[in-house]
Amino acid sequence: MLDEMIYRYAQKLPYSLKKEVLDFVQYLLMKAEQQEEQDWSWFSLSSAMRGMEEEPVLYTVEDIKVKF
């Protein structure tokens, strides 16, 4: 239904505005793909680190400091 409404309205536009609509749709697709990629990265990282809070601390900040 929504696809049809968009199509009908777009058909009524002059050519120059149809190009703007196409540019905007492409922008929205790119934005959605970037958001999906970001969501997957966050999910992957959070899945990989799940349970690490419960692991014992093996080293402290003092262990990694370089002393000159």
Protein backbone atom coordinates (compact mmCIF):
# COMPACT_ATOMS: atom_id res chain seq x y z
CA MET A 1 0.00 0.00 0.00
CA LEU A 2 2.68 2.52 1.00
CA ASP A 3 4.86 1.56 -1.96
CA GLU A 4 1.95 2.21 -4.29
CA MET A 5 1.24 5.60 -2.75
CA ILE A 6 4.86 6.66 -3.11
CA TYR A 7 4.88 5.46 -6.70
CA ARG A 8 1.64 7.32 -7.57
CA TYR A 9 2.88 10.58 -6.07
CA ALA A 10 6.29 10.25 -7.69
CA GLN A 11 4.66 9.76 -11.10
CA LYS A 12 3.09 13.22 -10.80
CA LEU A 13 6.40 14.99 -10.22
CA PRO A 14 8.38 16.75 -12.93
CA TYR A 15 11.59 15.01 -14.04
CA SER A 16 13.91 17.27 -12.03
CA LEU A 17 12.05 16.49 -8.81
CA LYS A 18 12.00 12.79 -9.59
CA LYS A 19 15.80 12.96 -9.67
CA GLU A 20 15.74 14.60 -6.22
CA VAL A 21 13.45 11.85 -4.93
CA LEU A 22 15.84 9.23 -6.30
CA ASP A 23 18.82 10.95 -4.67
CA PHE A 24 16.97 11.08 -1.36
CA VAL A 25 15.95 7.42 -1.55
CA GLN A 26 19.55 6.45 -2.29
CA TYR A 27 20.70 8.54 0.69
CA LEU A 28 18.17 6.83 2.97
CA LEU A 29 19.30 3.39 1.78
CA MET A 30 22.93 4.24 2.43
CA LYS A 31 22.04 5.56 5.89
CA ALA A 32 20.06 2.40 6.69
CA GLU A 33 22.92 0.17 5.53
CA GLN A 34 25.41 2.09 7.68
CA GLN A 35 23.12 1.80 10.69
CA GLU A 36 22.71 -1.93 10.12
CA GLU A 37 26.48 -2.32 9.84
CA GLN A 38 26.97 -0.34 13.05
CA ASP A 39 24.32 -2.42 14.83
CA TRP A 40 26.03 -5.67 13.75
CA SER A 41 29.43 -4.37 14.89
CA TRP A 42 28.00 -3.49 18.30
CA PHE A 43 26.25 -6.85 18.57
CA SER A 44 29.41 -8.70 17.57
CA LEU A 45 31.55 -6.83 20.08
CA SER A 46 29.06 -7.23 22.91
CA SER A 47 28.71 -10.94 22.12
CA ALA A 48 32.46 -11.43 22.09
CA MET A 49 32.88 -9.68 25.44
CA ARG A 50 29.91 -11.31 27.14
CA GLY A 51 30.92 -12.82 30.47
CA MET A 52 34.26 -11.02 30.69
CA GLU A 53 33.01 -9.02 33.67
CA GLU A 54 33.09 -12.22 35.71
CA GLU A 55 36.68 -13.15 34.82
CA PRO A 56 39.36 -12.56 37.45
CA VAL A 57 41.61 -9.52 37.00
CA LEU A 58 45.06 -10.81 36.09
CA TYR A 59 46.85 -7.51 35.62
CA THR A 60 46.54 -3.98 36.97
CA VAL A 61 47.36 -0.66 35.38
CA GLU A 62 50.64 -0.70 37.26
CA ASP A 63 51.64 -3.86 35.38
CA ILE A 64 51.50 -2.14 32.00
CA LYS A 65 53.27 1.11 32.84
CA VAL A 66 56.70 1.56 31.29
CA LYS A 67 59.21 2.93 33.73
CA PHE A 68 62.21 4.91 32.51
